[in-house]
Amino acid sequence: MKKHVPGPWSNPQVYLWPNLMTAGNLACGFGAVMAIFAGMQNPAEAASHVDRAILLILGACFFDALDGRLARIKGQESAFGREFDSLADIISFGVAPALLLMDIVLASLGDRLGWMFAFVYLLCGGMRLARFNCLAQEAQEGRVVPERGEFIGFPIPAAAGLIASLTKFLLWLNEGDRELGWWRFILVGLMLLLSFLMLSEFRYPSFKAVNWRAKRSLIWFFLVVVILVCAVNFVEIVPFALFLGYLVYGLIRPWISKTWQREIEGTTSDPEGTS
């Protein structure tokens, strides 16, 4: 009997810190799903469970922003990391936000209609991740131009962050009452809009040039610190404003001068490429 000799494909490179951040992303996503289910089973404490789920989805966005930057800074990008990241993203930014809206909004529209809207978002998010991985693989093989700081279509982490932060904002406006009334249709419309934008050709900056090695002025450093402090202290408002601003920026970006684009996105040349 021929002895099996493991090939290089049987032992993929697993770098500690980037994949640890991805594991943190996955843990937050799983925690959010569990919190939503706990709220469904215990309506009396549903508000606290929903609030925890929202914060965990936002936490997953934080970990997702770190893993790629750590990989690029340390030169530890790998096929394993890319696939692991996508698998974590479909839970944290696909399943968790869909369940959140099912619980908060879509259940009042009826089980079948609510399930359909939630599935449309999840389907588009999954297709968005699959397209990203295909383009990354083709770029690695030299069949397409590699990405240069842009995403094609709205990124699914930003979509989940916008859904979670808007839900947090509306609950805050409604003084914690989960019966949002007509406000729920804003979330339904947003879900459909994001589903379209994730598969669209709109280009969004990845801000990959903005990392710990980036050199910016003292004013930019001051603004970043202020934004972080405000995001922590005013979590009901600031994250929603940031994610909404990113959504709008991508839509108006083609009409913004290249000079302003480079200044905002931290790039030194015109953005190009795909992701």
C-alpha atoms as a PDB file:
ATOM      1  CA  MET A   1       0.000   0.000   0.000  1.00  0.00           C
ATOM      2  CA  LYS A   2       1.375   3.366  -1.057  1.00  0.00           C
ATOM      3  CA  LYS A   3       2.202   5.617   1.857  1.00  0.00           C
ATOM      4  CA  HIS A   4       0.514   9.004   1.806  1.00  0.00           C
ATOM      5  CA  VAL A   5       2.962  11.905   1.765  1.00  0.00           C
ATOM      6  CA  PRO A   6       1.358  15.171   2.848  1.00  0.00           C
ATOM      7  CA  GLY A   7       1.664  17.907   0.260  1.00  0.00           C
ATOM      8  CA  PRO A   8       2.082  21.604   0.990  1.00  0.00           C
ATOM      9  CA  TRP A   9      -1.669  22.039   0.530  1.00  0.00           C
ATOM     10  CA  SER A  10      -2.410  19.829   3.531  1.00  0.00           C
ATOM     11  CA  ASN A  11      -0.717  22.172   6.010  1.00  0.00           C
ATOM     12  CA  PRO A  12      -1.783  25.775   5.259  1.00  0.00           C
ATOM     13  CA  GLN A  13       0.032  28.662   6.873  1.00  0.00           C
ATOM     14  CA  VAL A  14      -1.867  29.896   9.940  1.00  0.00           C
ATOM     15  CA  TYR A  15      -0.484  33.155  11.291  1.00  0.00           C
ATOM     16  CA  LEU A  16      -1.356  33.795  14.922  1.00  0.00           C
ATOM     17  CA  TRP A  17      -2.338  37.447  15.306  1.00  0.00           C
ATOM     18  CA  PRO A  18      -4.396  38.075  12.134  1.00  0.00           C
ATOM     19  CA  ASN A  19      -6.330  34.828  12.588  1.00  0.00           C
ATOM     20  CA  LEU A  20      -6.762  35.555  16.299  1.00  0.00           C
ATOM     21  CA  MET A  21      -8.548  38.771  15.312  1.00  0.00           C
ATOM     22  CA  THR A  22     -10.702  36.783  12.883  1.00  0.00           C
ATOM     23  CA  ALA A  23     -11.524  34.366  15.702  1.00  0.00           C
ATOM     24  CA  GLY A  24     -12.580  37.382  17.781  1.00  0.00           C
ATOM     25  CA  ASN A  25     -14.826  38.457  14.896  1.00  0.00           C
ATOM     26  CA  LEU A  26     -16.397  34.981  14.791  1.00  0.00           C
ATOM     27  CA  ALA A  27     -16.830  34.890  18.581  1.00  0.00           C
ATOM     28  CA  CYS A  28     -18.684  38.218  18.506  1.00  0.00           C
ATOM     29  CA  GLY A  29     -20.899  37.017  15.660  1.00  0.00           C
ATOM     30  CA  PHE A  30     -21.736  33.786  17.447  1.00  0.00           C
ATOM     31  CA  GLY A  31     -22.414  35.702  20.655  1.00  0.00           C
ATOM     32  CA  ALA A  32     -24.761  38.041  18.780  1.00  0.00           C
ATOM     33  CA  VAL A  33     -26.709  35.099  17.333  1.00  0.00           C
ATOM     34  CA  MET A  34     -27.004  33.506  20.776  1.00  0.00           C
ATOM     35  CA  ALA A  35     -28.148  36.813  22.311  1.00  0.00           C
ATOM     36  CA  ILE A  36     -30.884  37.197  19.674  1.00  0.00           C
ATOM     37  CA  PHE A  37     -32.121  33.655  20.286  1.00  0.00           C
ATOM     38  CA  ALA A  38     -32.079  34.269  24.050  1.00  0.00           C
ATOM     39  CA  GLY A  39     -34.216  37.370  23.541  1.00  0.00           C
ATOM     40  CA  MET A  40     -36.686  35.408  21.423  1.00  0.00           C
ATOM     41  CA  GLN A  41     -37.042  32.806  24.164  1.00  0.00           C
ATOM     42  CA  ASN A  42     -37.371  35.359  26.972  1.00  0.00           C
ATOM     43  CA  PRO A  43     -39.457  38.348  25.751  1.00  0.00           C
ATOM     44  CA  ALA A  44     -39.344  39.995  29.193  1.00  0.00           C
ATOM     45  CA  GLU A  45     -35.585  40.531  28.834  1.00  0.00           C
ATOM     46  CA  ALA A  46     -35.510  40.862  25.050  1.00  0.00           C
ATOM     47  CA  ALA A  47     -34.386  44.499  25.103  1.00  0.00           C
ATOM     48  CA  SER A  48     -31.154  43.745  26.984  1.00  0.00           C
ATOM     49  CA  HIS A  49     -30.414  40.768  24.737  1.00  0.00           C
ATOM     50  CA  VAL A  50     -30.953  42.853  21.590  1.00  0.00           C
ATOM     51  CA  ASP A  51     -28.698  45.594  22.945  1.00  0.00           C
ATOM     52  CA  ARG A  52     -25.970  43.039  23.623  1.00  0.00           C
ATOM     53  CA  ALA A  53     -26.362  41.581  20.121  1.00  0.00           C
ATOM     54  CA  ILE A  54     -25.957  45.042  18.564  1.00  0.00           C
ATOM     55  CA  LEU A  55     -22.795  45.754  20.552  1.00  0.00           C
ATOM     56  CA  LEU A  56     -21.370  42.348  19.607  1.00  0.00           C
ATOM     57  CA  ILE A  57     -21.979  42.991  15.895  1.00  0.00           C
ATOM     58  CA  LEU A  58     -20.172  46.324  16.246  1.00  0.00           C
ATOM     59  CA  GLY A  59     -17.399  44.500  18.111  1.00  0.00           C
ATOM     60  CA  ALA A  60     -17.117  42.068  15.203  1.00  0.00           C
ATOM     61  CA  CYS A  61     -16.643  45.070  12.886  1.00  0.00           C
ATOM     62  CA  PHE A  62     -13.751  46.202  15.101  1.00  0.00           C
ATOM     63  CA  PHE A  63     -12.026  42.803  14.975  1.00  0.00           C
ATOM     64  CA  ASP A  64     -12.601  42.574  11.216  1.00  0.00           C
ATOM     65  CA  ALA A  65     -10.896  45.929  10.730  1.00  0.00           C
ATOM     66  CA  LEU A  66      -7.860  44.675  12.657  1.00  0.00           C
ATOM     67  CA  ASP A  67      -7.208  41.269  11.096  1.00  0.00           C
ATOM     68  CA  GLY A  68      -6.400  42.451   7.580  1.00  0.00           C
ATOM     69  CA  ARG A  69      -4.275  45.335   8.788  1.00  0.00           C
ATOM     70  CA  LEU A  70      -2.232  43.091  11.048  1.00  0.00           C
ATOM     71  CA  ALA A  71      -1.729  40.641   8.189  1.00  0.00           C
ATOM     72  CA  ARG A  72      -0.531  43.361   5.812  1.00  0.00           C
ATOM     73  CA  ILE A  73       1.735  45.068   8.359  1.00  0.00           C
ATOM     74  CA  LYS A  74       3.404  41.802   9.325  1.00  0.00           C
ATOM     75  CA  GLY A  75       3.439  40.394   5.771  1.00  0.00           C
ATOM     76  CA  GLN A  76       1.249  37.494   6.915  1.00  0.00           C
ATOM     77  CA  GLU A  77      -1.503  37.472   4.296  1.00  0.00           C
ATOM     78  CA  SER A  78      -2.516  33.942   3.321  1.00  0.00           C
ATOM     79  CA  ALA A  79      -5.212  31.971   1.507  1.00  0.00           C
ATOM     80  CA  PHE A  80      -6.211  30.403   4.830  1.00  0.00           C
ATOM     81  CA  GLY A  81      -6.692  33.805   6.415  1.00  0.00           C
ATOM     82  CA  ARG A  82      -8.819  35.013   3.509  1.00  0.00           C
ATOM     83  CA  GLU A  83     -11.107  31.975   3.642  1.00  0.00           C
ATOM     84  CA  PHE A  84     -11.319  32.006   7.453  1.00  0.00           C
ATOM     85  CA  ASP A  85     -12.219  35.683   7.354  1.00  0.00           C
ATOM     86  CA  SER A  86     -15.055  35.088   4.879  1.00  0.00           C
ATOM     87  CA  LEU A  87     -16.468  32.210   6.920  1.00  0.00           C
ATOM     88  CA  ALA A  88     -16.456  34.407  10.029  1.00  0.00           C
ATOM     89  CA  ASP A  89     -17.994  37.304   8.090  1.00  0.00           C
ATOM     90  CA  ILE A  90     -20.990  35.305   6.892  1.00  0.00           C
ATOM     91  CA  ILE A  91     -21.875  34.586  10.528  1.00  0.00           C
ATOM     92  CA  SER A  92     -21.103  37.985  12.055  1.00  0.00           C
ATOM     93  CA  PHE A  93     -22.240  40.209   9.194  1.00  0.00           C
ATOM     94  CA  GLY A  94     -24.713  37.973   7.380  1.00  0.00           C
ATOM     95  CA  VAL A  95     -26.604  35.689   9.752  1.00  0.00           C
ATOM     96  CA  ALA A  96     -26.482  37.912  12.871  1.00  0.00           C
ATOM     97  CA  PRO A  97     -27.866  41.120  11.251  1.00  0.00           C
ATOM     98  CA  ALA A  98     -30.523  39.119   9.373  1.00  0.00           C
ATOM     99  CA  LEU A  99     -31.686  37.516  12.632  1.00  0.00           C
ATOM    100  CA  LEU A 100     -31.560  40.886  14.391  1.00  0.00           C
ATOM    101  CA  LEU A 101     -33.945  42.434  11.894  1.00  0.00           C
ATOM    102  CA  MET A 102     -36.114  39.319  11.898  1.00  0.00           C
ATOM    103  CA  ASP A 103     -36.507  39.777  15.636  1.00  0.00           C
ATOM    104  CA  ILE A 104     -36.906  43.572  15.728  1.00  0.00           C
ATOM    105  CA  VAL A 105     -38.743  44.366  12.519  1.00  0.00           C
ATOM    106  CA  LEU A 106     -39.574  41.631  10.081  1.00  0.00           C
ATOM    107  CA  ALA A 107     -41.593  39.375  12.386  1.00  0.00           C
ATOM    108  CA  SER A 108     -44.342  42.013  12.379  1.00  0.00           C
ATOM    109  CA  LEU A 109     -44.608  41.678   8.590  1.00  0.00           C
ATOM    110  CA  GLY A 110     -45.406  37.972   8.830  1.00  0.00           C
ATOM    111  CA  ASP A 111     -43.117  34.967   9.028  1.00  0.00           C
ATOM    112  CA  ARG A 112     -42.936  34.296   5.292  1.00  0.00           C
ATOM    113  CA  LEU A 113     -42.383  37.890   4.195  1.00  0.00           C
ATOM    114  CA  GLY A 114     -39.950  38.550   7.020  1.00  0.00           C
ATOM    115  CA  TRP A 115     -37.965  35.410   6.231  1.00  0.00           C
ATOM    116  CA  MET A 116     -37.800  36.407   2.562  1.00  0.00           C
ATOM    117  CA  PHE A 117     -36.419  39.899   3.260  1.00  0.00           C
ATOM    118  CA  ALA A 118     -33.863  38.553   5.715  1.00  0.00           C
ATOM    119  CA  PHE A 119     -32.769  35.826   3.303  1.00  0.00           C
ATOM    120  CA  VAL A 120     -32.330  38.324   0.458  1.00  0.00           C
ATOM    121  CA  TYR A 121     -29.854  40.242   2.619  1.00  0.00           C
ATOM    122  CA  LEU A 122     -28.053  37.053   3.658  1.00  0.00           C
ATOM    123  CA  LEU A 123     -27.905  35.787   0.066  1.00  0.00           C
ATOM    124  CA  CYS A 124     -26.494  39.043  -1.281  1.00  0.00           C
ATOM    125  CA  GLY A 125     -23.952  39.149   1.540  1.00  0.00           C
ATOM    126  CA  GLY A 126     -22.814  35.604   0.795  1.00  0.00           C
ATOM    127  CA  MET A 127     -22.514  36.392  -2.919  1.00  0.00           C
ATOM    128  CA  ARG A 128     -20.578  39.563  -2.086  1.00  0.00           C
ATOM    129  CA  LEU A 129     -18.039  37.544  -0.092  1.00  0.00           C
ATOM    130  CA  ALA A 130     -17.790  34.905  -2.824  1.00  0.00           C
ATOM    131  CA  ARG A 131     -17.137  37.580  -5.462  1.00  0.00           C
ATOM    132  CA  PHE A 132     -14.471  39.174  -3.269  1.00  0.00           C
ATOM    133  CA  ASN A 133     -12.663  35.835  -2.850  1.00  0.00           C
ATOM    134  CA  CYS A 134     -12.890  35.055  -6.576  1.00  0.00           C
ATOM    135  CA  LEU A 135     -11.385  38.409  -7.514  1.00  0.00           C
ATOM    136  CA  ALA A 136      -8.658  38.007  -4.895  1.00  0.00           C
ATOM    137  CA  GLN A 137      -7.789  34.559  -6.267  1.00  0.00           C
ATOM    138  CA  GLU A 138      -7.758  35.806  -9.866  1.00  0.00           C
ATOM    139  CA  ALA A 139      -5.528  38.713  -8.842  1.00  0.00           C
ATOM    140  CA  GLN A 140      -3.134  36.305  -7.119  1.00  0.00           C
ATOM    141  CA  GLU A 141      -2.977  34.228 -10.314  1.00  0.00           C
ATOM    142  CA  GLY A 142      -2.362  37.337 -12.426  1.00  0.00           C
ATOM    143  CA  ARG A 143      -5.616  37.125 -14.371  1.00  0.00           C
ATOM    144  CA  VAL A 144      -6.942  40.485 -13.150  1.00  0.00           C
ATOM    145  CA  VAL A 145      -5.337  43.659 -11.838  1.00  0.00           C
ATOM    146  CA  PRO A 146      -4.900  43.322  -8.054  1.00  0.00           C
ATOM    147  CA  GLU A 147      -6.830  45.601  -5.760  1.00  0.00           C
ATOM    148  CA  ARG A 148      -5.478  49.047  -5.058  1.00  0.00           C
ATOM    149  CA  GLY A 149      -7.520  50.357  -2.196  1.00  0.00           C
ATOM    150  CA  GLU A 150     -11.074  49.828  -3.436  1.00  0.00           C
ATOM    151  CA  PHE A 151     -14.002  47.507  -2.854  1.00  0.00           C
ATOM    152  CA  ILE A 152     -16.445  46.795  -5.653  1.00  0.00           C
ATOM    153  CA  GLY A 153     -19.832  46.952  -3.968  1.00  0.00           C
ATOM    154  CA  PHE A 154     -20.605  47.911  -0.393  1.00  0.00           C
ATOM    155  CA  PRO A 155     -18.550  45.748   2.039  1.00  0.00           C
ATOM    156  CA  ILE A 156     -20.638  43.380   4.148  1.00  0.00           C
ATOM    157  CA  PRO A 157     -18.968  44.391   7.469  1.00  0.00           C
ATOM    158  CA  ALA A 158     -20.018  48.000   6.825  1.00  0.00           C
ATOM    159  CA  ALA A 159     -23.527  46.818   5.887  1.00  0.00           C
ATOM    160  CA  ALA A 160     -23.852  44.913   9.159  1.00  0.00           C
ATOM    161  CA  GLY A 161     -22.409  47.829  11.118  1.00  0.00           C
ATOM    162  CA  LEU A 162     -24.914  50.209   9.532  1.00  0.00           C
ATOM    163  CA  ILE A 163     -27.857  47.900  10.304  1.00  0.00           C
ATOM    164  CA  ALA A 164     -26.743  47.385  13.907  1.00  0.00           C
ATOM    165  CA  SER A 165     -25.935  51.040  14.559  1.00  0.00           C
ATOM    166  CA  LEU A 166     -29.183  52.282  12.991  1.00  0.00           C
ATOM    167  CA  THR A 167     -31.143  49.780  15.090  1.00  0.00           C
ATOM    168  CA  LYS A 168     -29.323  51.075  18.177  1.00  0.00           C
ATOM    169  CA  PHE A 169     -30.081  54.660  17.165  1.00  0.00           C
ATOM    170  CA  LEU A 170     -33.801  53.995  16.568  1.00  0.00           C
ATOM    171  CA  LEU A 171     -34.155  52.110  19.863  1.00  0.00           C
ATOM    172  CA  TRP A 172     -32.499  55.043  21.606  1.00  0.00           C
ATOM    173  CA  LEU A 173     -34.900  57.498  19.946  1.00  0.00           C
ATOM    174  CA  ASN A 174     -37.785  55.246  20.960  1.00  0.00           C
ATOM    175  CA  GLU A 175     -36.490  55.127  24.549  1.00  0.00           C
ATOM    176  CA  GLY A 176     -35.734  51.414  24.352  1.00  0.00           C
ATOM    177  CA  ASP A 177     -39.201  50.378  23.175  1.00  0.00           C
ATOM    178  CA  ARG A 178     -38.782  47.544  20.650  1.00  0.00           C
ATOM    179  CA  GLU A 179     -42.117  48.426  19.015  1.00  0.00           C
ATOM    180  CA  LEU A 180     -40.652  50.846  16.481  1.00  0.00           C
ATOM    181  CA  GLY A 181     -43.899  51.537  14.641  1.00  0.00           C
ATOM    182  CA  TRP A 182     -43.340  53.152  11.258  1.00  0.00           C
ATOM    183  CA  TRP A 183     -39.616  53.454  11.979  1.00  0.00           C
ATOM    184  CA  ARG A 184     -39.303  49.732  11.196  1.00  0.00           C
ATOM    185  CA  PHE A 185     -39.866  50.419   7.510  1.00  0.00           C
ATOM    186  CA  ILE A 186     -36.646  52.456   7.467  1.00  0.00           C
ATOM    187  CA  LEU A 187     -34.782  49.326   8.511  1.00  0.00           C
ATOM    188  CA  VAL A 188     -36.611  47.221   5.908  1.00  0.00           C
ATOM    189  CA  GLY A 189     -35.750  49.732   3.176  1.00  0.00           C
ATOM    190  CA  LEU A 190     -32.150  49.929   4.364  1.00  0.00           C
ATOM    191  CA  MET A 191     -31.823  46.138   4.262  1.00  0.00           C
ATOM    192  CA  LEU A 192     -33.006  46.045   0.649  1.00  0.00           C
ATOM    193  CA  LEU A 193     -30.773  48.975  -0.318  1.00  0.00           C
ATOM    194  CA  LEU A 194     -27.715  47.347   1.236  1.00  0.00           C
ATOM    195  CA  SER A 195     -28.538  44.048  -0.480  1.00  0.00           C
ATOM    196  CA  PHE A 196     -28.434  45.878  -3.817  1.00  0.00           C
ATOM    197  CA  LEU A 197     -25.306  47.894  -3.013  1.00  0.00           C
ATOM    198  CA  MET A 198     -23.322  44.812  -1.943  1.00  0.00           C
ATOM    199  CA  LEU A 199     -23.677  43.383  -5.461  1.00  0.00           C
ATOM    200  CA  SER A 200     -23.461  46.733  -7.257  1.00  0.00           C
ATOM    201  CA  GLU A 201     -20.518  48.259  -9.123  1.00  0.00           C
ATOM    202  CA  PHE A 202     -20.210  51.218  -6.756  1.00  0.00           C
ATOM    203  CA  ARG A 203     -16.624  51.515  -5.544  1.00  0.00           C
ATOM    204  CA  TYR A 204     -15.860  52.090  -1.884  1.00  0.00           C
ATOM    205  CA  PRO A 205     -12.423  52.881  -0.437  1.00  0.00           C
ATOM    206  CA  SER A 206     -10.892  50.138   1.675  1.00  0.00           C
ATOM    207  CA  PHE A 207      -8.712  52.574   3.678  1.00  0.00           C
ATOM    208  CA  LYS A 208      -5.998  49.902   3.577  1.00  0.00           C
ATOM    209  CA  ALA A 209      -3.392  52.645   3.373  1.00  0.00           C
ATOM    210  CA  VAL A 210      -4.524  53.884   6.784  1.00  0.00           C
ATOM    211  CA  ASN A 211      -2.691  51.738   9.349  1.00  0.00           C
ATOM    212  CA  TRP A 212      -0.192  52.046  12.173  1.00  0.00           C
ATOM    213  CA  ARG A 213       2.581  52.884   9.742  1.00  0.00           C
ATOM    214  CA  ALA A 214       0.637  55.629   8.016  1.00  0.00           C
ATOM    215  CA  LYS A 215       2.023  59.134   8.490  1.00  0.00           C
ATOM    216  CA  ARG A 216      -0.619  61.818   8.926  1.00  0.00           C
ATOM    217  CA  SER A 217      -0.731  65.323  10.359  1.00  0.00           C
ATOM    218  CA  LEU A 218      -1.405  66.148  14.000  1.00  0.00           C
ATOM    219  CA  ILE A 219      -4.876  67.382  13.025  1.00  0.00           C
ATOM    220  CA  TRP A 220      -5.786  63.965  11.579  1.00  0.00           C
ATOM    221  CA  PHE A 221      -4.448  62.253  14.694  1.00  0.00           C
ATOM    222  CA  PHE A 222      -6.516  64.563  16.890  1.00  0.00           C
ATOM    223  CA  LEU A 223      -9.666  63.900  14.834  1.00  0.00           C
ATOM    224  CA  VAL A 224      -9.202  60.126  15.032  1.00  0.00           C
ATOM    225  CA  VAL A 225      -8.812  60.261  18.823  1.00  0.00           C
ATOM    226  CA  VAL A 226     -11.901  62.472  19.169  1.00  0.00           C
ATOM    227  CA  ILE A 227     -13.961  60.145  16.959  1.00  0.00           C
ATOM    228  CA  LEU A 228     -12.922  57.076  18.957  1.00  0.00           C
ATOM    229  CA  VAL A 229     -13.734  58.745  22.274  1.00  0.00           C
ATOM    230  CA  CYS A 230     -17.113  59.933  20.984  1.00  0.00           C
ATOM    231  CA  ALA A 231     -17.910  56.502  19.557  1.00  0.00           C
ATOM    232  CA  VAL A 232     -17.409  54.934  22.979  1.00  0.00           C
ATOM    233  CA  ASN A 233     -19.295  57.606  24.923  1.00  0.00           C
ATOM    234  CA  PHE A 234     -22.099  58.148  22.409  1.00  0.00           C
ATOM    235  CA  VAL A 235     -22.517  54.649  20.990  1.00  0.00           C
ATOM    236  CA  GLU A 236     -26.168  55.407  20.148  1.00  0.00           C
ATOM    237  CA  ILE A 237     -25.232  58.106  17.622  1.00  0.00           C
ATOM    238  CA  VAL A 238     -21.595  58.173  16.489  1.00  0.00           C
ATOM    239  CA  PRO A 239     -21.254  54.643  14.981  1.00  0.00           C
ATOM    240  CA  PHE A 240     -24.447  55.202  12.975  1.00  0.00           C
ATOM    241  CA  ALA A 241     -23.121  58.550  11.712  1.00  0.00           C
ATOM    242  CA  LEU A 242     -19.795  56.958  10.707  1.00  0.00           C
ATOM    243  CA  PHE A 243     -21.340  54.021   8.835  1.00  0.00           C
ATOM    244  CA  LEU A 244     -23.919  56.260   7.168  1.00  0.00           C
ATOM    245  CA  GLY A 245     -21.179  58.672   6.139  1.00  0.00           C
ATOM    246  CA  TYR A 246     -19.234  55.798   4.568  1.00  0.00           C
ATOM    247  CA  LEU A 247     -22.332  54.696   2.650  1.00  0.00           C
ATOM    248  CA  VAL A 248     -22.983  58.193   1.307  1.00  0.00           C
ATOM    249  CA  TYR A 249     -19.304  58.805   0.550  1.00  0.00           C
ATOM    250  CA  GLY A 250     -19.174  55.842  -1.820  1.00  0.00           C
ATOM    251  CA  LEU A 251     -22.239  57.087  -3.674  1.00  0.00           C
ATOM    252  CA  ILE A 252     -20.883  60.627  -4.191  1.00  0.00           C
ATOM    253  CA  ARG A 253     -17.232  59.589  -4.547  1.00  0.00           C
ATOM    254  CA  PRO A 254     -17.170  59.730  -8.384  1.00  0.00           C
ATOM    255  CA  TRP A 255     -17.910  63.459  -8.187  1.00  0.00           C
ATOM    256  CA  ILE A 256     -15.243  64.238  -5.575  1.00  0.00           C
ATOM    257  CA  SER A 257     -11.900  65.513  -6.845  1.00  0.00           C
ATOM    258  CA  LYS A 258      -8.985  63.074  -6.874  1.00  0.00           C
ATOM    259  CA  THR A 259      -7.045  65.367  -4.575  1.00  0.00           C
ATOM    260  CA  TRP A 260      -9.748  65.208  -1.913  1.00  0.00           C
ATOM    261  CA  GLN A 261     -10.097  61.471  -2.400  1.00  0.00           C
ATOM    262  CA  ARG A 262      -6.397  60.941  -1.745  1.00  0.00           C
ATOM    263  CA  GLU A 263      -6.539  63.173   1.331  1.00  0.00           C
ATOM    264  CA  ILE A 264      -9.603  61.425   2.797  1.00  0.00           C
ATOM    265  CA  GLU A 265      -8.506  57.882   1.964  1.00  0.00           C
ATOM    266  CA  GLY A 266      -4.846  58.261   2.842  1.00  0.00           C
ATOM    267  CA  THR A 267      -3.636  57.178  -0.608  1.00  0.00           C
ATOM    268  CA  THR A 268      -0.716  58.617  -2.533  1.00  0.00           C
ATOM    269  CA  SER A 269      -2.024  57.814  -6.002  1.00  0.00           C
ATOM    270  CA  ASP A 270      -5.340  57.453  -7.734  1.00  0.00           C
ATOM    271  CA  PRO A 271      -7.233  54.452  -6.423  1.00  0.00           C
ATOM    272  CA  GLU A 272      -7.649  51.638  -8.864  1.00  0.00           C
ATOM    273  CA  GLY A 273      -8.238  47.926  -8.955  1.00  0.00           C
ATOM    274  CA  THR A 274     -10.884  45.644  -7.557  1.00  0.00           C
ATOM    275  CA  SER A 275     -11.721  43.718  -4.445  1.00  0.00           C
END
